[in-house]
PDB file of N, CA and C in Angstrom:
ATOM      1  N   MET A   1     -82.521-192.184 -57.519  1.00  0.00           N
ATOM      2  CA  MET A   1     -82.436-192.422 -59.277  1.00  0.00           C
ATOM      3  C   MET A   1     -83.665-191.939 -59.848  1.00  0.00           C
ATOM      4  N   ASP A   2     -82.936-191.769 -60.990  1.00  0.00           N
ATOM      5  CA  ASP A   2     -84.375-190.723 -61.380  1.00  0.00           C
ATOM      6  C   ASP A   2     -83.661-191.680 -63.331  1.00  0.00           C
ATOM      7  N   ASP A   3     -85.257-191.201 -64.139  1.00  0.00           N
ATOM      8  CA  ASP A   3     -84.569-191.457 -65.573  1.00  0.00           C
ATOM      9  C   ASP A   3     -83.919-191.449 -66.023  1.00  0.00           C
ATOM     10  N   GLY A   4     -83.119-190.298 -65.392  1.00  0.00           N
ATOM     11  CA  GLY A   4     -82.018-189.626 -66.588  1.00  0.00           C
ATOM     12  C   GLY A   4     -81.560-188.406 -65.704  1.00  0.00           C
ATOM     13  N   LEU A   5     -81.105-187.063 -66.447  1.00  0.00           N
ATOM     14  CA  LEU A   5     -80.761-185.903 -65.618  1.00  0.00           C
ATOM     15  C   LEU A   5     -80.562-184.953 -66.940  1.00  0.00           C
ATOM     16  N   ALA A   6     -81.523-184.341 -67.591  1.00  0.00           N
ATOM     17  CA  ALA A   6     -81.285-183.285 -68.155  1.00  0.00           C
ATOM     18  C   ALA A   6     -81.013-182.147 -67.267  1.00  0.00           C
ATOM     19  N   THR A   7     -82.027-181.277 -66.993  1.00  0.00           N
ATOM     20  CA  THR A   7     -81.682-179.657 -66.229  1.00  0.00           C
ATOM     21  C   THR A   7     -81.225-180.316 -64.773  1.00  0.00           C
ATOM     22  N   GLY A   8     -81.536-181.144 -64.518  1.00  0.00           N
ATOM     23  CA  GLY A   8     -81.487-181.447 -62.812  1.00  0.00           C
ATOM     24  C   GLY A   8     -82.218-180.963 -61.767  1.00  0.00           C
ATOM     25  N   VAL A   9     -83.101-180.075 -62.358  1.00  0.00           N
ATOM     26  CA  VAL A   9     -84.551-179.540 -61.981  1.00  0.00           C
ATOM     27  C   VAL A   9     -84.867-180.438 -60.127  1.00  0.00           C
ATOM     28  N   THR A  10     -85.358-181.782 -60.919  1.00  0.00           N
ATOM     29  CA  THR A  10     -86.332-182.418 -59.895  1.00  0.00           C
ATOM     30  C   THR A  10     -84.912-183.297 -58.999  1.00  0.00           C
ATOM     31  N   ALA A  11     -83.704-183.455 -59.694  1.00  0.00           N
ATOM     32  CA  ALA A  11     -83.049-184.147 -58.974  1.00  0.00           C
ATOM     33  C   ALA A  11     -82.171-183.739 -57.642  1.00  0.00           C
ATOM     34  N   ARG A  12     -81.942-182.599 -58.238  1.00  0.00           N
ATOM     35  CA  ARG A  12     -81.426-181.507 -57.884  1.00  0.00           C
ATOM     36  C   ARG A  12     -82.424-181.479 -55.906  1.00  0.00           C
ATOM     37  N   ALA A  13     -83.579-181.127 -56.341  1.00  0.00           N
ATOM     38  CA  ALA A  13     -84.842-181.233 -55.227  1.00  0.00           C
ATOM     39  C   ALA A  13     -84.825-181.936 -54.140  1.00  0.00           C
ATOM     40  N   ALA A  14     -84.697-183.223 -54.796  1.00  0.00           N
ATOM     41  CA  ALA A  14     -84.595-184.809 -54.217  1.00  0.00           C
ATOM     42  C   ALA A  14     -83.960-184.808 -53.247  1.00  0.00           C
ATOM     43  N   CYS A  15     -82.515-184.687 -53.898  1.00  0.00           N
ATOM     44  CA  CYS A  15     -81.004-184.701 -53.163  1.00  0.00           C
ATOM     45  C   CYS A  15     -81.157-183.758 -51.384  1.00  0.00           C
ATOM     46  N   LYS A  16     -81.534-182.362 -52.173  1.00  0.00           N
ATOM     47  CA  LYS A  16     -81.832-181.332 -50.897  1.00  0.00           C
ATOM     48  C   LYS A  16     -82.436-182.122 -49.708  1.00  0.00           C
ATOM     49  N   ALA A  17     -84.025-182.562 -50.157  1.00  0.00           N
ATOM     50  CA  ALA A  17     -85.071-182.940 -49.206  1.00  0.00           C
ATOM     51  C   ALA A  17     -84.524-184.428 -48.393  1.00  0.00           C
ATOM     52  N   MET A  18     -83.739-185.041 -49.348  1.00  0.00           N
ATOM     53  CA  MET A  18     -83.325-186.127 -48.492  1.00  0.00           C
ATOM     54  C   MET A  18     -82.141-185.702 -47.513  1.00  0.00           C
ATOM     55  N   ARG A  19     -81.414-185.182 -47.658  1.00  0.00           N
ATOM     56  CA  ARG A  19     -80.450-184.197 -46.693  1.00  0.00           C
ATOM     57  C   ARG A  19     -80.983-183.373 -45.776  1.00  0.00           C
ATOM     58  N   ALA A  20     -82.320-182.761 -46.069  1.00  0.00           N
ATOM     59  CA  ALA A  20     -83.008-182.126 -44.615  1.00  0.00           C
ATOM     60  C   ALA A  20     -83.291-183.388 -44.112  1.00  0.00           C
ATOM     61  N   ALA A  21     -83.996-184.648 -44.207  1.00  0.00           N
ATOM     62  CA  ALA A  21     -84.841-185.586 -43.911  1.00  0.00           C
ATOM     63  C   ALA A  21     -83.278-186.294 -43.134  1.00  0.00           C
ATOM     64  N   GLY A  22     -82.102-185.770 -43.024  1.00  0.00           N
ATOM     65  CA  GLY A  22     -81.416-186.316 -42.617  1.00  0.00           C
ATOM     66  C   GLY A  22     -80.612-187.486 -43.340  1.00  0.00           C
ATOM     67  N   ALA A  23     -80.376-187.810 -44.403  1.00  0.00           N
ATOM     68  CA  ALA A  23     -79.745-189.114 -44.784  1.00  0.00           C
ATOM     69  C   ALA A  23     -78.729-188.732 -44.373  1.00  0.00           C
ATOM     70  N   ALA A  24     -77.519-190.124 -44.159  1.00  0.00           N
ATOM     71  CA  ALA A  24     -76.169-189.708 -43.735  1.00  0.00           C
ATOM     72  C   ALA A  24     -75.581-189.654 -44.934  1.00  0.00           C
ATOM     73  N   VAL A  25     -75.756-190.141 -46.146  1.00  0.00           N
ATOM     74  CA  VAL A  25     -75.321-190.274 -47.251  1.00  0.00           C
ATOM     75  C   VAL A  25     -76.541-190.073 -48.603  1.00  0.00           C
ATOM     76  N   THR A  26     -75.782-189.165 -49.664  1.00  0.00           N
ATOM     77  CA  THR A  26     -76.896-189.569 -50.631  1.00  0.00           C
ATOM     78  C   THR A  26     -76.375-189.704 -51.891  1.00  0.00           C
ATOM     79  N   VAL A  27     -76.667-190.596 -52.873  1.00  0.00           N
ATOM     80  CA  VAL A  27     -76.605-191.131 -53.736  1.00  0.00           C
ATOM     81  C   VAL A  27     -77.421-190.982 -54.751  1.00  0.00           C
ATOM     82  N   LEU A  28     -76.912-190.879 -56.217  1.00  0.00           N
ATOM     83  CA  LEU A  28     -78.162-189.933 -57.419  1.00  0.00           C
ATOM     84  C   LEU A  28     -77.138-190.810 -58.633  1.00  0.00           C
ATOM     85  N   ALA A  29     -78.300-191.600 -58.679  1.00  0.00           N
ATOM     86  CA  ALA A  29     -78.205-192.964 -59.434  1.00  0.00           C
ATOM     87  C   ALA A  29     -78.757-192.482 -61.313  1.00  0.00           C
ATOM     88  N   VAL A  30     -78.132-192.849 -61.973  1.00  0.00           N
ATOM     89  CA  VAL A  30     -79.283-192.275 -63.464  1.00  0.00           C
ATOM     90  C   VAL A  30     -78.771-193.348 -64.585  1.00  0.00           C
ATOM     91  N   PRO A  31     -79.692-193.635 -65.716  1.00  0.00           N
ATOM     92  CA  PRO A  31     -79.473-194.217 -66.831  1.00  0.00           C
ATOM     93  C   PRO A  31     -78.338-193.435 -67.727  1.00  0.00           C
ATOM     94  N   VAL A  32     -78.495-192.431 -67.948  1.00  0.00           N
ATOM     95  CA  VAL A  32     -78.482-191.213 -69.186  1.00  0.00           C
ATOM     96  C   VAL A  32     -78.888-189.692 -68.352  1.00  0.00           C
ATOM     97  N   GLY A  33     -77.716-189.051 -68.686  1.00  0.00           N
ATOM     98  CA  GLY A  33     -77.449-187.528 -68.452  1.00  0.00           C
ATOM     99  C   GLY A  33     -77.178-186.638 -69.668  1.00  0.00           C
ATOM    100  N   ALA A  34     -77.165-185.160 -69.301  1.00  0.00           N
ATOM    101  CA  ALA A  34     -76.513-184.632 -69.746  1.00  0.00           C
ATOM    102  C   ALA A  34     -75.032-184.394 -68.957  1.00  0.00           C
ATOM    103  N   ALA A  35     -73.568-184.243 -69.927  1.00  0.00           N
ATOM    104  CA  ALA A  35     -72.437-184.476 -69.364  1.00  0.00           C
ATOM    105  C   ALA A  35     -71.919-182.828 -68.377  1.00  0.00           C
ATOM    106  N   ARG A  36     -72.834-181.723 -69.182  1.00  0.00           N
ATOM    107  CA  ARG A  36     -72.816-180.549 -67.911  1.00  0.00           C
ATOM    108  C   ARG A  36     -73.369-180.789 -67.038  1.00  0.00           C
ATOM    109  N   THR A  37     -74.752-181.170 -66.843  1.00  0.00           N
ATOM    110  CA  THR A  37     -75.570-181.358 -65.368  1.00  0.00           C
ATOM    111  C   THR A  37     -75.133-182.145 -64.734  1.00  0.00           C
ATOM    112  N   ILE A  38     -74.448-183.656 -65.297  1.00  0.00           N
ATOM    113  CA  ILE A  38     -73.453-184.433 -64.698  1.00  0.00           C
ATOM    114  C   ILE A  38     -72.279-183.895 -63.769  1.00  0.00           C
ATOM    115  N   ALA A  39     -71.354-182.891 -64.550  1.00  0.00           N
ATOM    116  CA  ALA A  39     -70.230-182.422 -64.459  1.00  0.00           C
ATOM    117  C   ALA A  39     -70.699-181.215 -62.882  1.00  0.00           C
ATOM    118  N   GLU A  40     -71.923-180.586 -63.009  1.00  0.00           N
ATOM    119  CA  GLU A  40     -72.185-179.690 -62.462  1.00  0.00           C
ATOM    120  C   GLU A  40     -72.732-180.299 -61.231  1.00  0.00           C
ATOM    121  N   PHE A  41     -73.507-181.124 -60.925  1.00  0.00           N
ATOM    122  CA  PHE A  41     -73.820-181.994 -59.701  1.00  0.00           C
ATOM    123  C   PHE A  41     -72.687-182.662 -59.092  1.00  0.00           C
ATOM    124  N   GLN A  42     -71.675-182.881 -59.698  1.00  0.00           N
ATOM    125  CA  GLN A  42     -70.109-183.678 -59.304  1.00  0.00           C
ATOM    126  C   GLN A  42     -69.297-182.644 -58.244  1.00  0.00           C
ATOM    127  N   LYS A  43     -69.405-181.365 -59.573  1.00  0.00           N
ATOM    128  CA  LYS A  43     -68.385-180.335 -59.029  1.00  0.00           C
ATOM    129  C   LYS A  43     -69.467-179.173 -57.424  1.00  0.00           C
ATOM    130  N   ASN A  44     -70.293-179.478 -57.617  1.00  0.00           N
ATOM    131  CA  ASN A  44     -71.123-178.637 -56.841  1.00  0.00           C
ATOM    132  C   ASN A  44     -71.756-179.587 -55.184  1.00  0.00           C
ATOM    133  N   HIS A  45     -71.034-180.966 -55.538  1.00  0.00           N
ATOM    134  CA  HIS A  45     -71.614-181.954 -54.580  1.00  0.00           C
ATOM    135  C   HIS A  45     -73.000-182.082 -54.120  1.00  0.00           C
ATOM    136  N   VAL A  46     -73.711-182.280 -55.335  1.00  0.00           N
ATOM    137  CA  VAL A  46     -75.387-181.940 -55.191  1.00  0.00           C
ATOM    138  C   VAL A  46     -76.231-183.538 -54.223  1.00  0.00           C
ATOM    139  N   ALA A  47     -75.181-184.300 -54.497  1.00  0.00           N
ATOM    140  CA  ALA A  47     -74.971-185.772 -54.075  1.00  0.00           C
ATOM    141  C   ALA A  47     -73.573-186.078 -53.440  1.00  0.00           C
ATOM    142  N   ASP A  48     -73.813-186.672 -52.438  1.00  0.00           N
ATOM    143  CA  ASP A  48     -72.113-187.470 -52.264  1.00  0.00           C
ATOM    144  C   ASP A  48     -71.754-188.275 -52.960  1.00  0.00           C
ATOM    145  N   LEU A  49     -72.430-189.121 -54.160  1.00  0.00           N
ATOM    146  CA  LEU A  49     -71.840-189.793 -55.435  1.00  0.00           C
ATOM    147  C   LEU A  49     -73.137-189.941 -56.336  1.00  0.00           C
ATOM    148  N   VAL A  50     -72.399-189.323 -57.595  1.00  0.00           N
ATOM    149  CA  VAL A  50     -73.324-189.367 -58.348  1.00  0.00           C
ATOM    150  C   VAL A  50     -73.095-190.387 -59.637  1.00  0.00           C
ATOM    151  N   VAL A  51     -74.000-190.801 -59.898  1.00  0.00           N
ATOM    152  CA  VAL A  51     -73.580-192.068 -60.692  1.00  0.00           C
ATOM    153  C   VAL A  51     -74.414-191.829 -61.745  1.00  0.00           C
ATOM    154  N   CYS A  52     -73.991-192.035 -63.376  1.00  0.00           N
ATOM    155  CA  CYS A  52     -74.394-192.120 -64.487  1.00  0.00           C
ATOM    156  C   CYS A  52     -73.793-192.860 -65.551  1.00  0.00           C
ATOM    157  N   LEU A  53     -74.783-194.011 -66.169  1.00  0.00           N
ATOM    158  CA  LEU A  53     -74.286-194.997 -67.266  1.00  0.00           C
ATOM    159  C   LEU A  53     -73.825-194.290 -68.506  1.00  0.00           C
ATOM    160  N   ARG A  54     -74.268-193.348 -69.080  1.00  0.00           N
ATOM    161  CA  ARG A  54     -73.749-192.565 -70.637  1.00  0.00           C
ATOM    162  C   ARG A  54     -74.660-191.139 -70.238  1.00  0.00           C
ATOM    163  N   THR A  55     -73.191-190.463 -71.140  1.00  0.00           N
ATOM    164  CA  THR A  55     -73.189-189.002 -70.906  1.00  0.00           C
ATOM    165  C   THR A  55     -73.317-189.076 -72.699  1.00  0.00           C
ATOM    166  N   PRO A  56     -74.311-188.864 -73.208  1.00  0.00           N
ATOM    167  CA  PRO A  56     -74.077-188.977 -74.753  1.00  0.00           C
ATOM    168  C   PRO A  56     -73.928-187.492 -75.279  1.00  0.00           C
ATOM    169  N   LYS A  57     -72.900-187.201 -76.096  1.00  0.00           N
ATOM    170  CA  LYS A  57     -72.521-185.860 -76.985  1.00  0.00           C
ATOM    171  C   LYS A  57     -73.469-185.186 -77.086  1.00  0.00           C
ATOM    172  N   ARG A  58     -74.509-185.978 -77.871  1.00  0.00           N
ATOM    173  CA  ARG A  58     -75.793-184.500 -78.560  1.00  0.00           C
ATOM    174  C   ARG A  58     -76.554-185.346 -77.249  1.00  0.00           C
ATOM    175  N   PHE A  59     -76.828-184.666 -76.287  1.00  0.00           N
ATOM    176  CA  PHE A  59     -77.951-185.266 -75.599  1.00  0.00           C
ATOM    177  C   PHE A  59     -78.947-184.201 -75.917  1.00  0.00           C
ATOM    178  N   ARG A  60     -80.535-184.474 -76.037  1.00  0.00           N
ATOM    179  CA  ARG A  60     -81.156-183.671 -76.270  1.00  0.00           C
ATOM    180  C   ARG A  60     -82.337-183.632 -75.327  1.00  0.00           C
ATOM    181  N   ALA A  61     -83.114-184.897 -74.839  1.00  0.00           N
ATOM    182  CA  ALA A  61     -84.037-185.029 -73.551  1.00  0.00           C
ATOM    183  C   ALA A  61     -83.285-186.480 -73.460  1.00  0.00           C
ATOM    184  N   VAL A  62     -84.413-186.641 -71.974  1.00  0.00           N
ATOM    185  CA  VAL A  62     -84.112-187.820 -71.082  1.00  0.00           C
ATOM    186  C   VAL A  62     -84.575-189.153 -72.252  1.00  0.00           C
ATOM    187  N   GLY A  63     -85.746-188.843 -72.750  1.00  0.00           N
ATOM    188  CA  GLY A  63     -86.929-189.935 -73.355  1.00  0.00           C
ATOM    189  C   GLY A  63     -86.095-189.918 -74.705  1.00  0.00           C
ATOM    190  N   ALA A  64     -85.330-189.406 -75.336  1.00  0.00           N
ATOM    191  CA  ALA A  64     -84.647-189.435 -76.381  1.00  0.00           C
ATOM    192  C   ALA A  64     -83.787-190.824 -76.685  1.00  0.00           C
ATOM    193  N   HIS A  65     -83.299-190.915 -75.203  1.00  0.00           N
ATOM    194  CA  HIS A  65     -81.957-192.421 -75.663  1.00  0.00           C
ATOM    195  C   HIS A  65     -83.138-193.661 -74.467  1.00  0.00           C
ATOM    196  N   PHE A  66     -84.269-193.700 -74.649  1.00  0.00           N
ATOM    197  CA  PHE A  66     -84.858-194.867 -74.274  1.00  0.00           C
ATOM    198  C   PHE A  66     -85.878-195.041 -76.003  1.00  0.00           C
ATOM    199  N   ALA A  67     -85.180-196.482 -75.860  1.00  0.00           N
ATOM    200  CA  ALA A  67     -86.267-197.373 -77.138  1.00  0.00           C
ATOM    201  C   ALA A  67     -87.374-197.997 -75.964  1.00  0.00           C
ATOM    202  N   VAL A  68     -88.327-197.428 -76.063  1.00  0.00           N
ATOM    203  CA  VAL A  68     -89.572-197.983 -75.188  1.00  0.00           C
ATOM    204  C   VAL A  68     -90.628-197.107 -75.930  1.00  0.00           C
ATOM    205  N   GLY A  69     -91.640-197.904 -75.864  1.00  0.00           N
ATOM    206  CA  GLY A  69     -92.382-197.302 -76.499  1.00  0.00           C
ATOM    207  C   GLY A  69     -93.859-197.088 -74.921  1.00  0.00           C
ATOM    208  N   TRP A  70     -95.039-196.519 -75.691  1.00  0.00           N
ATOM    209  CA  TRP A  70     -96.305-196.206 -74.567  1.00  0.00           C
ATOM    210  C   TRP A  70     -96.533-197.629 -74.300  1.00  0.00           C
ATOM    211  N   VAL A  71     -96.140-197.341 -72.517  1.00  0.00           N
ATOM    212  CA  VAL A  71     -97.043-198.321 -71.652  1.00  0.00           C
ATOM    213  C   VAL A  71     -98.221-198.174 -70.945  1.00  0.00           C
ATOM    214  N   ARG A  72     -99.015-198.763 -71.089  1.00  0.00           N
ATOM    215  CA  ARG A  72    -100.492-198.373 -70.730  1.00  0.00           C
ATOM    216  C   ARG A  72    -100.454-198.496 -68.834  1.00  0.00           C
ATOM    217  N   PRO A  73    -100.859-197.453 -68.257  1.00  0.00           N
ATOM    218  CA  PRO A  73    -100.544-197.584 -66.693  1.00  0.00           C
ATOM    219  C   PRO A  73    -101.376-198.985 -66.231  1.00  0.00           C
ATOM    220  N   GLY A  74    -102.396-200.027 -66.849  1.00  0.00           N
ATOM    221  CA  GLY A  74    -102.688-201.081 -66.305  1.00  0.00           C
ATOM    222  C   GLY A  74    -101.731-202.390 -66.673  1.00  0.00           C
ATOM    223  N   ARG A  75    -100.990-202.180 -67.757  1.00  0.00           N
ATOM    224  CA  ARG A  75     -99.937-203.125 -68.034  1.00  0.00           C
ATOM    225  C   ARG A  75     -98.579-203.311 -67.046  1.00  0.00           C
ATOM    226  N   LEU A  76     -98.050-201.583 -66.953  1.00  0.00           N
ATOM    227  CA  LEU A  76     -97.408-201.228 -66.226  1.00  0.00           C
ATOM    228  C   LEU A  76     -97.405-201.714 -64.783  1.00  0.00           C
ATOM    229  N   ALA A  77     -98.721-201.426 -64.094  1.00  0.00           N
ATOM    230  CA  ALA A  77     -98.986-202.104 -62.868  1.00  0.00           C
ATOM    231  C   ALA A  77     -98.561-203.885 -63.000  1.00  0.00           C
ATOM    232  N   ASP A  78     -99.126-204.386 -63.979  1.00  0.00           N
ATOM    233  CA  ASP A  78     -99.154-205.888 -64.109  1.00  0.00           C
ATOM    234  C   ASP A  78     -97.615-206.146 -64.246  1.00  0.00           C
ATOM    235  N   TRP A  79     -96.980-205.852 -64.780  1.00  0.00           N
ATOM    236  CA  TRP A  79     -95.565-206.158 -64.465  1.00  0.00           C
ATOM    237  C   TRP A  79     -94.855-206.173 -63.341  1.00  0.00           C
ATOM    238  N   LEU A  80     -95.353-204.670 -62.354  1.00  0.00           N
ATOM    239  CA  LEU A  80     -94.642-204.402 -61.367  1.00  0.00           C
ATOM    240  C   LEU A  80     -95.187-205.734 -59.959  1.00  0.00           C
ATOM    241  N   LEU A  81     -96.412-205.899 -60.596  1.00  0.00           N
ATOM    242  CA  LEU A  81     -96.983-206.689 -59.196  1.00  0.00           C
ATOM    243  C   LEU A  81     -96.885-208.353 -59.614  1.00  0.00           C
ATOM    244  N   GLY A  82     -96.490-208.861 -60.551  1.00  0.00           N
ATOM    245  CA  GLY A  82     -95.762-209.917 -61.070  1.00  0.00           C
ATOM    246  C   GLY A  82     -96.980-210.287 -61.745  1.00  0.00           C
TER     247      GLY A  82
END
């Protein structure tokens, strides 16, 4: 899982590492991605399954597709820890 797929460098490395570690199946799930990168990942079988919820026509950057402001690290920890 990643926050989105722009160039895919990080996700490609993660999928490669999981395969090298012996993963039987690799699944990459992202909420948003560049259509070209998603298509390339599917064509080249970077993961066994690539799931992307949105591929906007005008994809610029992953962060441009989220309406979330800055969150202090302490606040994030509070949310995650309940």
